Amino acid sequence: MSKKKTFGIVIIVMLIITFFALHGKLSGERFDSTKWKNWKESEMELSTRWDMMNSLRNNYELKGKTKTEIIDLLGKPDSEHSNSEFSYYLGYSKQGINTGTLTFYIGNDGKIRAFNVSHG
């Protein structure tokens, strides 16, 4: 095999490994319950909650928890839309002026049946 071909294969393999290593973990901010609960939107911390979202999703089983368990983890919701839906403001996402919301949906059994991160 030629050196060019070998070099090309090595580069492609490294890119694939890097993609899978970073997939879903592009933000390196580790979720910190206290930091999340005490977050205040300020110029220095505009994206703190966004930066912790991947860690929160990847390291905590949110579905199946009760609303009380979510509140213990994240603090008081920023808004409650109904008895079956509540949400947290995420601040700016570092993509222009894009902001977002983390919304939880409660099933008939009183447990989180789904959650959604929306851009807005």
PDB file of N, CA and C in Angstrom:
ATOM      1  N   MET A   1       0.853  -1.162   0.000  1.00  0.00           N
ATOM      2  CA  MET A   1       0.000   0.000   0.000  1.00  0.00           C
ATOM      3  C   MET A   1       0.908   1.237   0.000  1.00  0.00           C
ATOM      4  N   SER A   2       0.525   2.241  -0.753  1.00  0.00           N
ATOM      5  CA  SER A   2       1.344   3.453  -0.833  1.00  0.00           C
ATOM      6  C   SER A   2       1.220   4.272   0.445  1.00  0.00           C
ATOM      7  N   LYS A   3       2.228   5.125   0.666  1.00  0.00           N
ATOM      8  CA  LYS A   3       2.224   5.967   1.872  1.00  0.00           C
ATOM      9  C   LYS A   3       1.038   6.920   1.872  1.00  0.00           C
ATOM     10  N   LYS A   4       0.666   7.443   0.689  1.00  0.00           N
ATOM     11  CA  LYS A   4      -0.469   8.365   0.599  1.00  0.00           C
ATOM     12  C   LYS A   4      -1.766   7.672   1.009  1.00  0.00           C
ATOM     13  N   LYS A   5      -1.938   6.455   0.523  1.00  0.00           N
ATOM     14  CA  LYS A   5      -3.158   5.714   0.831  1.00  0.00           C
ATOM     15  C   LYS A   5      -3.226   5.390   2.329  1.00  0.00           C
ATOM     16  N   THR A   6      -2.123   4.952   2.905  1.00  0.00           N
ATOM     17  CA  THR A   6      -2.062   4.636   4.329  1.00  0.00           C
ATOM     18  C   THR A   6      -2.350   5.875   5.158  1.00  0.00           C
ATOM     19  N   PHE A   7      -1.731   6.999   4.792  1.00  0.00           N
ATOM     20  CA  PHE A   7      -1.960   8.261   5.504  1.00  0.00           C
ATOM     21  C   PHE A   7      -3.432   8.662   5.434  1.00  0.00           C
ATOM     22  N   GLY A   8      -4.039   8.521   4.267  1.00  0.00           N
ATOM     23  CA  GLY A   8      -5.450   8.854   4.084  1.00  0.00           C
ATOM     24  C   GLY A   8      -6.357   8.009   4.955  1.00  0.00           C
ATOM     25  N   ILE A   9      -6.070   6.714   5.024  1.00  0.00           N
ATOM     26  CA  ILE A   9      -6.872   5.807   5.857  1.00  0.00           C
ATOM     27  C   ILE A   9      -6.732   6.175   7.331  1.00  0.00           C
ATOM     28  N   VAL A  10      -5.524   6.478   7.771  1.00  0.00           N
ATOM     29  CA  VAL A  10      -5.291   6.872   9.166  1.00  0.00           C
ATOM     30  C   VAL A  10      -6.076   8.137   9.491  1.00  0.00           C
ATOM     31  N   ILE A  11      -6.052   9.111   8.613  1.00  0.00           N
ATOM     32  CA  ILE A  11      -6.793  10.371   8.835  1.00  0.00           C
ATOM     33  C   ILE A  11      -8.289  10.098   8.927  1.00  0.00           C
ATOM     34  N   ILE A  12      -8.817   9.291   8.028  1.00  0.00           N
ATOM     35  CA  ILE A  12     -10.253   8.983   8.041  1.00  0.00           C
ATOM     36  C   ILE A  12     -10.637   8.270   9.337  1.00  0.00           C
ATOM     37  N   VAL A  13      -9.842   7.298   9.759  1.00  0.00           N
ATOM     38  CA  VAL A  13     -10.118   6.575  11.004  1.00  0.00           C
ATOM     39  C   VAL A  13     -10.084   7.534  12.189  1.00  0.00           C
ATOM     40  N   MET A  14      -9.123   8.437  12.219  1.00  0.00           N
ATOM     41  CA  MET A  14      -9.035   9.409  13.320  1.00  0.00           C
ATOM     42  C   MET A  14     -10.249  10.330  13.331  1.00  0.00           C
ATOM     43  N   LEU A  15     -10.710  10.752  12.169  1.00  0.00           N
ATOM     44  CA  LEU A  15     -11.896  11.606  12.098  1.00  0.00           C
ATOM     45  C   LEU A  15     -13.137  10.870  12.599  1.00  0.00           C
ATOM     46  N   ILE A  16     -13.266   9.618  12.214  1.00  0.00           N
ATOM     47  CA  ILE A  16     -14.420   8.824  12.667  1.00  0.00           C
ATOM     48  C   ILE A  16     -14.380   8.640  14.182  1.00  0.00           C
ATOM     49  N   ILE A  17     -13.231   8.324  14.728  1.00  0.00           N
ATOM     50  CA  ILE A  17     -13.094   8.157  16.181  1.00  0.00           C
ATOM     51  C   ILE A  17     -13.410   9.467  16.892  1.00  0.00           C
ATOM     52  N   THR A  18     -12.907  10.570  16.379  1.00  0.00           N
ATOM     53  CA  THR A  18     -13.181  11.883  16.976  1.00  0.00           C
ATOM     54  C   THR A  18     -14.667  12.195  16.938  1.00  0.00           C
ATOM     55  N   PHE A  19     -15.326  11.922  15.811  1.00  0.00           N
ATOM     56  CA  PHE A  19     -16.761  12.191  15.697  1.00  0.00           C
ATOM     57  C   PHE A  19     -17.541  11.427  16.760  1.00  0.00           C
ATOM     58  N   PHE A  20     -17.270  10.136  16.894  1.00  0.00           N
ATOM     59  CA  PHE A  20     -18.011   9.337  17.872  1.00  0.00           C
ATOM     60  C   PHE A  20     -17.654   9.698  19.311  1.00  0.00           C
ATOM     61  N   ALA A  21     -16.439  10.099  19.540  1.00  0.00           N
ATOM     62  CA  ALA A  21     -16.027  10.506  20.893  1.00  0.00           C
ATOM     63  C   ALA A  21     -16.715  11.800  21.300  1.00  0.00           C
ATOM     64  N   LEU A  22     -16.951  12.679  20.339  1.00  0.00           N
ATOM     65  CA  LEU A  22     -17.543  13.978  20.662  1.00  0.00           C
ATOM     66  C   LEU A  22     -19.049  14.028  20.451  1.00  0.00           C
ATOM     67  N   HIS A  23     -19.604  13.048  19.759  1.00  0.00           N
ATOM     68  CA  HIS A  23     -21.032  13.079  19.452  1.00  0.00           C
ATOM     69  C   HIS A  23     -21.864  13.184  20.733  1.00  0.00           C
ATOM     70  N   GLY A  24     -22.635  14.262  20.830  1.00  0.00           N
ATOM     71  CA  GLY A  24     -23.476  14.476  22.005  1.00  0.00           C
ATOM     72  C   GLY A  24     -22.730  15.034  23.194  1.00  0.00           C
ATOM     73  N   LYS A  25     -21.439  15.297  23.043  1.00  0.00           N
ATOM     74  CA  LYS A  25     -20.646  15.792  24.155  1.00  0.00           C
ATOM     75  C   LYS A  25     -19.828  17.009  23.725  1.00  0.00           C
ATOM     76  N   LEU A  26     -20.361  17.780  22.793  1.00  0.00           N
ATOM     77  CA  LEU A  26     -19.614  18.918  22.277  1.00  0.00           C
ATOM     78  C   LEU A  26     -19.375  19.983  23.334  1.00  0.00           C
ATOM     79  N   SER A  27     -20.256  20.095  24.258  1.00  0.00           N
ATOM     80  CA  SER A  27     -20.042  21.002  25.370  1.00  0.00           C
ATOM     81  C   SER A  27     -19.433  20.196  26.509  1.00  0.00           C
ATOM     82  N   GLY A  28     -18.305  20.629  26.992  1.00  0.00           N
ATOM     83  CA  GLY A  28     -17.617  19.881  28.022  1.00  0.00           C
ATOM     84  C   GLY A  28     -18.039  20.231  29.431  1.00  0.00           C
ATOM     85  N   GLU A  29     -18.998  21.126  29.601  1.00  0.00           N
ATOM     86  CA  GLU A  29     -19.420  21.545  30.938  1.00  0.00           C
ATOM     87  C   GLU A  29     -20.155  20.397  31.623  1.00  0.00           C
ATOM     88  N   ARG A  30     -19.624  19.951  32.726  1.00  0.00           N
ATOM     89  CA  ARG A  30     -20.247  18.874  33.497  1.00  0.00           C
ATOM     90  C   ARG A  30     -21.460  19.432  34.242  1.00  0.00           C
ATOM     91  N   PHE A  31     -22.543  18.639  34.266  1.00  0.00           N
ATOM     92  CA  PHE A  31     -23.740  19.088  34.967  1.00  0.00           C
ATOM     93  C   PHE A  31     -23.447  19.239  36.454  1.00  0.00           C
ATOM     94  N   ASP A  32     -23.882  20.370  36.998  1.00  0.00           N
ATOM     95  CA  ASP A  32     -23.715  20.680  38.415  1.00  0.00           C
ATOM     96  C   ASP A  32     -25.049  21.212  38.914  1.00  0.00           C
ATOM     97  N   SER A  33     -25.728  20.436  39.749  1.00  0.00           N
ATOM     98  CA  SER A  33     -27.059  20.784  40.230  1.00  0.00           C
ATOM     99  C   SER A  33     -27.091  22.149  40.915  1.00  0.00           C
ATOM    100  N   THR A  34     -26.118  22.416  41.761  1.00  0.00           N
ATOM    101  CA  THR A  34     -26.077  23.696  42.481  1.00  0.00           C
ATOM    102  C   THR A  34     -25.887  24.859  41.514  1.00  0.00           C
ATOM    103  N   LYS A  35     -24.994  24.680  40.571  1.00  0.00           N
ATOM    104  CA  LYS A  35     -24.736  25.731  39.582  1.00  0.00           C
ATOM    105  C   LYS A  35     -25.990  25.981  38.730  1.00  0.00           C
ATOM    106  N   TRP A  36     -26.687  24.911  38.339  1.00  0.00           N
ATOM    107  CA  TRP A  36     -27.918  25.034  37.552  1.00  0.00           C
ATOM    108  C   TRP A  36     -28.970  25.807  38.346  1.00  0.00           C
ATOM    109  N   LYS A  37     -29.171  25.405  39.598  1.00  0.00           N
ATOM    110  CA  LYS A  37     -30.202  26.028  40.431  1.00  0.00           C
ATOM    111  C   LYS A  37     -29.913  27.499  40.703  1.00  0.00           C
ATOM    112  N   ASN A  38     -28.656  27.856  40.868  1.00  0.00           N
ATOM    113  CA  ASN A  38     -28.279  29.230  41.214  1.00  0.00           C
ATOM    114  C   ASN A  38     -27.975  30.109  40.010  1.00  0.00           C
ATOM    115  N   TRP A  39     -28.142  29.582  38.798  1.00  0.00           N
ATOM    116  CA  TRP A  39     -27.813  30.317  37.588  1.00  0.00           C
ATOM    117  C   TRP A  39     -28.679  31.572  37.464  1.00  0.00           C
ATOM    118  N   LYS A  40     -28.022  32.664  37.167  1.00  0.00           N
ATOM    119  CA  LYS A  40     -28.694  33.928  36.856  1.00  0.00           C
ATOM    120  C   LYS A  40     -28.179  34.357  35.499  1.00  0.00           C
ATOM    121  N   GLU A  41     -29.082  34.717  34.630  1.00  0.00           N
ATOM    122  CA  GLU A  41     -28.668  35.141  33.294  1.00  0.00           C
ATOM    123  C   GLU A  41     -27.871  36.441  33.403  1.00  0.00           C
ATOM    124  N   SER A  42     -26.602  36.351  33.080  1.00  0.00           N
ATOM    125  CA  SER A  42     -25.737  37.519  33.097  1.00  0.00           C
ATOM    126  C   SER A  42     -24.782  37.410  31.917  1.00  0.00           C
ATOM    127  N   GLU A  43     -24.104  38.473  31.612  1.00  0.00           N
ATOM    128  CA  GLU A  43     -23.199  38.479  30.466  1.00  0.00           C
ATOM    129  C   GLU A  43     -22.113  37.416  30.594  1.00  0.00           C
ATOM    130  N   MET A  44     -21.668  37.149  31.802  1.00  0.00           N
ATOM    131  CA  MET A  44     -20.608  36.168  32.030  1.00  0.00           C
ATOM    132  C   MET A  44     -21.113  34.722  31.961  1.00  0.00           C
ATOM    133  N   GLU A  45     -22.412  34.518  32.157  1.00  0.00           N
ATOM    134  CA  GLU A  45     -22.950  33.155  32.238  1.00  0.00           C
ATOM    135  C   GLU A  45     -24.153  32.945  31.325  1.00  0.00           C
ATOM    136  N   LEU A  46     -24.149  33.556  30.156  1.00  0.00           N
ATOM    137  CA  LEU A  46     -25.299  33.474  29.263  1.00  0.00           C
ATOM    138  C   LEU A  46     -25.668  32.043  28.881  1.00  0.00           C
ATOM    139  N   SER A  47     -24.677  31.189  28.717  1.00  0.00           N
ATOM    140  CA  SER A  47     -24.944  29.844  28.189  1.00  0.00           C
ATOM    141  C   SER A  47     -24.655  28.726  29.188  1.00  0.00           C
ATOM    142  N   THR A  48     -24.571  29.026  30.455  1.00  0.00           N
ATOM    143  CA  THR A  48     -24.216  28.011  31.459  1.00  0.00           C
ATOM    144  C   THR A  48     -25.132  26.789  31.396  1.00  0.00           C
ATOM    145  N   ARG A  49     -26.438  26.999  31.382  1.00  0.00           N
ATOM    146  CA  ARG A  49     -27.356  25.857  31.353  1.00  0.00           C
ATOM    147  C   ARG A  49     -27.253  25.098  30.034  1.00  0.00           C
ATOM    148  N   TRP A  50     -27.136  25.819  28.923  1.00  0.00           N
ATOM    149  CA  TRP A  50     -26.952  25.151  27.626  1.00  0.00           C
ATOM    150  C   TRP A  50     -25.712  24.276  27.674  1.00  0.00           C
ATOM    151  N   ASP A  51     -24.649  24.821  28.233  1.00  0.00           N
ATOM    152  CA  ASP A  51     -23.381  24.104  28.268  1.00  0.00           C
ATOM    153  C   ASP A  51     -23.461  22.828  29.103  1.00  0.00           C
ATOM    154  N   MET A  52     -24.387  22.768  30.048  1.00  0.00           N
ATOM    155  CA  MET A  52     -24.541  21.583  30.895  1.00  0.00           C
ATOM    156  C   MET A  52     -25.564  20.586  30.349  1.00  0.00           C
ATOM    157  N   MET A  53     -26.314  20.958  29.314  1.00  0.00           N
ATOM    158  CA  MET A  53     -27.404  20.105  28.820  1.00  0.00           C
ATOM    159  C   MET A  53     -26.938  18.728  28.373  1.00  0.00           C
ATOM    160  N   ASN A  54     -25.850  18.653  27.617  1.00  0.00           N
ATOM    161  CA  ASN A  54     -25.407  17.337  27.150  1.00  0.00           C
ATOM    162  C   ASN A  54     -25.037  16.430  28.309  1.00  0.00           C
ATOM    163  N   SER A  55     -24.355  16.965  29.291  1.00  0.00           N
ATOM    164  CA  SER A  55     -23.997  16.180  30.470  1.00  0.00           C
ATOM    165  C   SER A  55     -25.261  15.731  31.212  1.00  0.00           C
ATOM    166  N   LEU A  56     -26.219  16.627  31.349  1.00  0.00           N
ATOM    167  CA  LEU A  56     -27.475  16.287  32.031  1.00  0.00           C
ATOM    168  C   LEU A  56     -28.190  15.157  31.292  1.00  0.00           C
ATOM    169  N   ARG A  57     -28.336  15.284  29.973  1.00  0.00           N
ATOM    170  CA  ARG A  57     -29.029  14.258  29.179  1.00  0.00           C
ATOM    171  C   ARG A  57     -28.284  12.933  29.170  1.00  0.00           C
ATOM    172  N   ASN A  58     -26.962  12.997  29.066  1.00  0.00           N
ATOM    173  CA  ASN A  58     -26.175  11.775  28.923  1.00  0.00           C
ATOM    174  C   ASN A  58     -25.926  11.038  30.239  1.00  0.00           C
ATOM    175  N   ASN A  59     -25.983  11.743  31.358  1.00  0.00           N
ATOM    176  CA  ASN A  59     -25.581  11.141  32.626  1.00  0.00           C
ATOM    177  C   ASN A  59     -26.700  10.979  33.653  1.00  0.00           C
ATOM    178  N   TYR A  60     -27.889  11.458  33.336  1.00  0.00           N
ATOM    179  CA  TYR A  60     -29.015  11.362  34.276  1.00  0.00           C
ATOM    180  C   TYR A  60     -30.215  10.779  33.541  1.00  0.00           C
ATOM    181  N   GLU A  61     -30.840   9.802  34.145  1.00  0.00           N
ATOM    182  CA  GLU A  61     -32.045   9.204  33.579  1.00  0.00           C
ATOM    183  C   GLU A  61     -33.219  10.083  33.986  1.00  0.00           C
ATOM    184  N   LEU A  62     -33.633  10.977  33.104  1.00  0.00           N
ATOM    185  CA  LEU A  62     -34.685  11.937  33.433  1.00  0.00           C
ATOM    186  C   LEU A  62     -36.081  11.331  33.272  1.00  0.00           C
ATOM    187  N   LYS A  63     -36.259  10.516  32.243  1.00  0.00           N
ATOM    188  CA  LYS A  63     -37.557   9.857  32.045  1.00  0.00           C
ATOM    189  C   LYS A  63     -37.782   8.889  33.201  1.00  0.00           C
ATOM    190  N   GLY A  64     -39.017   8.879  33.689  1.00  0.00           N
ATOM    191  CA  GLY A  64     -39.360   7.974  34.783  1.00  0.00           C
ATOM    192  C   GLY A  64     -39.231   8.606  36.157  1.00  0.00           C
ATOM    193  N   LYS A  65     -38.572   9.757  36.239  1.00  0.00           N
ATOM    194  CA  LYS A  65     -38.486  10.457  37.520  1.00  0.00           C
ATOM    195  C   LYS A  65     -39.816  11.161  37.792  1.00  0.00           C
ATOM    196  N   THR A  66     -40.049  11.491  39.046  1.00  0.00           N
ATOM    197  CA  THR A  66     -41.233  12.276  39.383  1.00  0.00           C
ATOM    198  C   THR A  66     -40.886  13.767  39.237  1.00  0.00           C
ATOM    199  N   LYS A  67     -41.902  14.590  39.245  1.00  0.00           N
ATOM    200  CA  LYS A  67     -41.679  16.033  39.182  1.00  0.00           C
ATOM    201  C   LYS A  67     -40.843  16.485  40.381  1.00  0.00           C
ATOM    202  N   THR A  68     -41.122  15.931  41.536  1.00  0.00           N
ATOM    203  CA  THR A  68     -40.365  16.275  42.746  1.00  0.00           C
ATOM    204  C   THR A  68     -38.887  15.934  42.591  1.00  0.00           C
ATOM    205  N   GLU A  69     -38.593  14.792  41.999  1.00  0.00           N
ATOM    206  CA  GLU A  69     -37.193  14.407  41.779  1.00  0.00           C
ATOM    207  C   GLU A  69     -36.496  15.370  40.813  1.00  0.00           C
ATOM    208  N   ILE A  70     -37.206  15.800  39.782  1.00  0.00           N
ATOM    209  CA  ILE A  70     -36.630  16.766  38.829  1.00  0.00           C
ATOM    210  C   ILE A  70     -36.387  18.096  39.535  1.00  0.00           C
ATOM    211  N   ILE A  71     -37.335  18.527  40.352  1.00  0.00           N
ATOM    212  CA  ILE A  71     -37.176  19.790  41.089  1.00  0.00           C
ATOM    213  C   ILE A  71     -36.014  19.683  42.081  1.00  0.00           C
ATOM    214  N   ASP A  72     -35.844  18.540  42.708  1.00  0.00           N
ATOM    215  CA  ASP A  72     -34.688  18.339  43.595  1.00  0.00           C
ATOM    216  C   ASP A  72     -33.384  18.497  42.816  1.00  0.00           C
ATOM    217  N   LEU A  73     -33.368  18.017  41.588  1.00  0.00           N
ATOM    218  CA  LEU A  73     -32.174  18.060  40.749  1.00  0.00           C
ATOM    219  C   LEU A  73     -31.941  19.439  40.124  1.00  0.00           C
ATOM    220  N   LEU A  74     -33.010  20.077  39.611  1.00  0.00           N
ATOM    221  CA  LEU A  74     -32.878  21.301  38.828  1.00  0.00           C
ATOM    222  C   LEU A  74     -33.409  22.566  39.505  1.00  0.00           C
ATOM    223  N   GLY A  75     -34.097  22.412  40.597  1.00  0.00           N
ATOM    224  CA  GLY A  75     -34.691  23.569  41.252  1.00  0.00           C
ATOM    225  C   GLY A  75     -36.087  23.850  40.729  1.00  0.00           C
ATOM    226  N   LYS A  76     -36.667  24.926  41.223  1.00  0.00           N
ATOM    227  CA  LYS A  76     -38.035  25.315  40.848  1.00  0.00           C
ATOM    228  C   LYS A  76     -38.088  25.628  39.348  1.00  0.00           C
ATOM    229  N   PRO A  77     -39.091  25.099  38.640  1.00  0.00           N
ATOM    230  CA  PRO A  77     -39.211  25.396  37.207  1.00  0.00           C
ATOM    231  C   PRO A  77     -39.389  26.894  36.956  1.00  0.00           C
ATOM    232  N   ASP A  78     -38.955  27.339  35.799  1.00  0.00           N
ATOM    233  CA  ASP A  78     -39.140  28.733  35.414  1.00  0.00           C
ATOM    234  C   ASP A  78     -40.569  29.006  34.980  1.00  0.00           C
ATOM    235  N   SER A  79     -41.251  27.962  34.495  1.00  0.00           N
ATOM    236  CA  SER A  79     -42.663  28.112  34.163  1.00  0.00           C
ATOM    237  C   SER A  79     -43.371  26.762  34.245  1.00  0.00           C
ATOM    238  N   GLU A  80     -44.648  26.833  34.605  1.00  0.00           N
ATOM    239  CA  GLU A  80     -45.493  25.646  34.659  1.00  0.00           C
ATOM    240  C   GLU A  80     -46.683  25.913  33.763  1.00  0.00           C
ATOM    241  N   HIS A  81     -46.778  25.126  32.687  1.00  0.00           N
ATOM    242  CA  HIS A  81     -47.801  25.356  31.670  1.00  0.00           C
ATOM    243  C   HIS A  81     -49.128  24.708  32.037  1.00  0.00           C
ATOM    244  N   SER A  82     -49.047  23.622  32.775  1.00  0.00           N
ATOM    245  CA  SER A  82     -50.237  22.894  33.224  1.00  0.00           C
ATOM    246  C   SER A  82     -49.773  21.903  34.280  1.00  0.00           C
ATOM    247  N   ASN A  83     -50.685  21.069  34.739  1.00  0.00           N
ATOM    248  CA  ASN A  83     -50.301  20.040  35.719  1.00  0.00           C
ATOM    249  C   ASN A  83     -49.395  18.986  35.106  1.00  0.00           C
ATOM    250  N   SER A  84     -49.351  18.936  33.770  1.00  0.00           N
ATOM    251  CA  SER A  84     -48.584  17.888  33.108  1.00  0.00           C
ATOM    252  C   SER A  84     -47.378  18.402  32.324  1.00  0.00           C
ATOM    253  N   GLU A  85     -47.033  19.690  32.498  1.00  0.00           N
ATOM    254  CA  GLU A  85     -45.927  20.250  31.726  1.00  0.00           C
ATOM    255  C   GLU A  85     -45.264  21.408  32.480  1.00  0.00           C
ATOM    256  N   PHE A  86     -43.945  21.367  32.570  1.00  0.00           N
ATOM    257  CA  PHE A  86     -43.197  22.467  33.184  1.00  0.00           C
ATOM    258  C   PHE A  86     -41.850  22.606  32.486  1.00  0.00           C
ATOM    259  N   SER A  87     -41.228  23.788  32.630  1.00  0.00           N
ATOM    260  CA  SER A  87     -40.007  24.012  31.860  1.00  0.00           C
ATOM    261  C   SER A  87     -38.999  24.911  32.570  1.00  0.00           C
ATOM    262  N   TYR A  88     -37.773  24.830  32.031  1.00  0.00           N
ATOM    263  CA  TYR A  88     -36.641  25.618  32.514  1.00  0.00           C
ATOM    264  C   TYR A  88     -36.067  26.406  31.342  1.00  0.00           C
ATOM    265  N   TYR A  89     -35.794  27.669  31.565  1.00  0.00           N
ATOM    266  CA  TYR A  89     -35.157  28.517  30.567  1.00  0.00           C
ATOM    267  C   TYR A  89     -33.674  28.159  30.528  1.00  0.00           C
ATOM    268  N   LEU A  90     -33.114  28.008  29.323  1.00  0.00           N
ATOM    269  CA  LEU A  90     -31.720  27.605  29.181  1.00  0.00           C
ATOM    270  C   LEU A  90     -30.773  28.760  28.887  1.00  0.00           C
ATOM    271  N   GLY A  91     -31.298  29.920  28.554  1.00  0.00           N
ATOM    272  CA  GLY A  91     -30.436  31.035  28.201  1.00  0.00           C
ATOM    273  C   GLY A  91     -30.001  30.946  26.750  1.00  0.00           C
ATOM    274  N   TYR A  92     -28.888  31.593  26.429  1.00  0.00           N
ATOM    275  CA  TYR A  92     -28.382  31.650  25.060  1.00  0.00           C
ATOM    276  C   TYR A  92     -27.551  30.419  24.732  1.00  0.00           C
ATOM    277  N   SER A  93     -27.636  29.977  23.477  1.00  0.00           N
ATOM    278  CA  SER A  93     -26.995  28.727  23.063  1.00  0.00           C
ATOM    279  C   SER A  93     -25.655  28.900  22.368  1.00  0.00           C
ATOM    280  N   LYS A  94     -25.120  30.098  22.308  1.00  0.00           N
ATOM    281  CA  LYS A  94     -23.867  30.403  21.606  1.00  0.00           C
ATOM    282  C   LYS A  94     -24.027  30.295  20.100  1.00  0.00           C
ATOM    283  N   GLN A  95     -25.257  30.322  19.626  1.00  0.00           N
ATOM    284  CA  GLN A  95     -25.541  30.304  18.195  1.00  0.00           C
ATOM    285  C   GLN A  95     -26.318  31.569  17.869  1.00  0.00           C
ATOM    286  N   GLY A  96     -25.626  32.691  17.862  1.00  0.00           N
ATOM    287  CA  GLY A  96     -26.285  33.964  17.622  1.00  0.00           C
ATOM    288  C   GLY A  96     -27.135  34.354  18.806  1.00  0.00           C
ATOM    289  N   ILE A  97     -28.359  34.763  18.536  1.00  0.00           N
ATOM    290  CA  ILE A  97     -29.260  35.184  19.611  1.00  0.00           C
ATOM    291  C   ILE A  97     -30.260  34.080  19.978  1.00  0.00           C
ATOM    292  N   ASN A  98     -29.928  32.862  19.649  1.00  0.00           N
ATOM    293  CA  ASN A  98     -30.785  31.716  19.903  1.00  0.00           C
ATOM    294  C   ASN A  98     -30.832  31.374  21.392  1.00  0.00           C
ATOM    295  N   THR A  99     -32.034  31.247  21.927  1.00  0.00           N
ATOM    296  CA  THR A  99     -32.229  30.816  23.314  1.00  0.00           C
ATOM    297  C   THR A  99     -32.967  29.481  23.299  1.00  0.00           C
ATOM    298  N   GLY A 100     -33.169  28.921  24.463  1.00  0.00           N
ATOM    299  CA  GLY A 100     -33.866  27.646  24.491  1.00  0.00           C
ATOM    300  C   GLY A 100     -34.566  27.357  25.795  1.00  0.00           C
ATOM    301  N   THR A 101     -35.304  26.254  25.763  1.00  0.00           N
ATOM    302  CA  THR A 101     -36.102  25.822  26.899  1.00  0.00           C
ATOM    303  C   THR A 101     -36.024  24.304  27.026  1.00  0.00           C
ATOM    304  N   LEU A 102     -35.943  23.828  28.246  1.00  0.00           N
ATOM    305  CA  LEU A 102     -36.020  22.401  28.557  1.00  0.00           C
ATOM    306  C   LEU A 102     -37.404  22.169  29.154  1.00  0.00           C
ATOM    307  N   THR A 103     -38.229  21.403  28.452  1.00  0.00           N
ATOM    308  CA  THR A 103     -39.605  21.171  28.876  1.00  0.00           C
ATOM    309  C   THR A 103     -39.791  19.700  29.247  1.00  0.00           C
ATOM    310  N   PHE A 104     -40.450  19.471  30.373  1.00  0.00           N
ATOM    311  CA  PHE A 104     -40.766  18.123  30.849  1.00  0.00           C
ATOM    312  C   PHE A 104     -42.262  17.879  30.717  1.00  0.00           C
ATOM    313  N   TYR A 105     -42.626  16.660  30.327  1.00  0.00           N
ATOM    314  CA  TYR A 105     -44.023  16.257  30.179  1.00  0.00           C
ATOM    315  C   TYR A 105     -44.291  15.108  31.144  1.00  0.00           C
ATOM    316  N   ILE A 106     -45.322  15.268  31.957  1.00  0.00           N
ATOM    317  CA  ILE A 106     -45.661  14.290  32.992  1.00  0.00           C
ATOM    318  C   ILE A 106     -46.778  13.377  32.492  1.00  0.00           C
ATOM    319  N   GLY A 107     -46.609  12.079  32.659  1.00  0.00           N
ATOM    320  CA  GLY A 107     -47.620  11.109  32.262  1.00  0.00           C
ATOM    321  C   GLY A 107     -48.698  10.954  33.321  1.00  0.00           C
ATOM    322  N   ASN A 108     -49.676  10.144  33.026  1.00  0.00           N
ATOM    323  CA  ASN A 108     -50.792   9.900  33.952  1.00  0.00           C
ATOM    324  C   ASN A 108     -50.338   9.263  35.259  1.00  0.00           C
ATOM    325  N   ASP A 109     -49.185   8.586  35.230  1.00  0.00           N
ATOM    326  CA  ASP A 109     -48.670   7.938  36.439  1.00  0.00           C
ATOM    327  C   ASP A 109     -47.874   8.901  37.323  1.00  0.00           C
ATOM    328  N   GLY A 110     -47.786  10.172  36.914  1.00  0.00           N
ATOM    329  CA  GLY A 110     -47.079  11.172  37.709  1.00  0.00           C
ATOM    330  C   GLY A 110     -45.583  11.209  37.463  1.00  0.00           C
ATOM    331  N   LYS A 111     -45.114  10.436  36.487  1.00  0.00           N
ATOM    332  CA  LYS A 111     -43.684  10.397  36.187  1.00  0.00           C
ATOM    333  C   LYS A 111     -43.395  11.061  34.846  1.00  0.00           C
ATOM    334  N   ILE A 112     -42.149  11.498  34.687  1.00  0.00           N
ATOM    335  CA  ILE A 112     -41.747  12.145  33.449  1.00  0.00           C
ATOM    336  C   ILE A 112     -41.829  11.124  32.320  1.00  0.00           C
ATOM    337  N   ARG A 113     -42.665  11.407  31.321  1.00  0.00           N
ATOM    338  CA  ARG A 113     -42.798  10.501  30.184  1.00  0.00           C
ATOM    339  C   ARG A 113     -41.922  10.938  29.024  1.00  0.00           C
ATOM    340  N   ALA A 114     -41.579  12.254  28.999  1.00  0.00           N
ATOM    341  CA  ALA A 114     -40.733  12.787  27.930  1.00  0.00           C
ATOM    342  C   ALA A 114     -40.198  14.140  28.339  1.00  0.00           C
ATOM    343  N   PHE A 115     -39.151  14.555  27.640  1.00  0.00           N
ATOM    344  CA  PHE A 115     -38.642  15.919  27.806  1.00  0.00           C
ATOM    345  C   PHE A 115     -38.116  16.388  26.466  1.00  0.00           C
ATOM    346  N   ASN A 116     -38.061  17.687  26.293  1.00  0.00           N
ATOM    347  CA  ASN A 116     -37.674  18.251  25.005  1.00  0.00           C
ATOM    348  C   ASN A 116     -36.831  19.509  25.223  1.00  0.00           C
ATOM    349  N   VAL A 117     -35.780  19.631  24.439  1.00  0.00           N
ATOM    350  CA  VAL A 117     -34.981  20.860  24.424  1.00  0.00           C
ATOM    351  C   VAL A 117     -35.365  21.575  23.136  1.00  0.00           C
ATOM    352  N   SER A 118     -35.904  22.769  23.274  1.00  0.00           N
ATOM    353  CA  SER A 118     -36.321  23.519  22.096  1.00  0.00           C
ATOM    354  C   SER A 118     -35.523  24.807  21.956  1.00  0.00           C
ATOM    355  N   HIS A 119     -35.321  25.185  20.727  1.00  0.00           N
ATOM    356  CA  HIS A 119     -34.643  26.434  20.396  1.00  0.00           C
ATOM    357  C   HIS A 119     -35.711  27.481  20.126  1.00  0.00           C
ATOM    358  N   GLY A 120     -35.427  28.708  20.489  1.00  0.00           N
ATOM    359  CA  GLY A 120     -36.458  29.698  20.245  1.00  0.00           C
ATOM    360  C   GLY A 120     -36.043  31.090  20.296  1.00  0.00           C
TER     361      GLY A 120
END
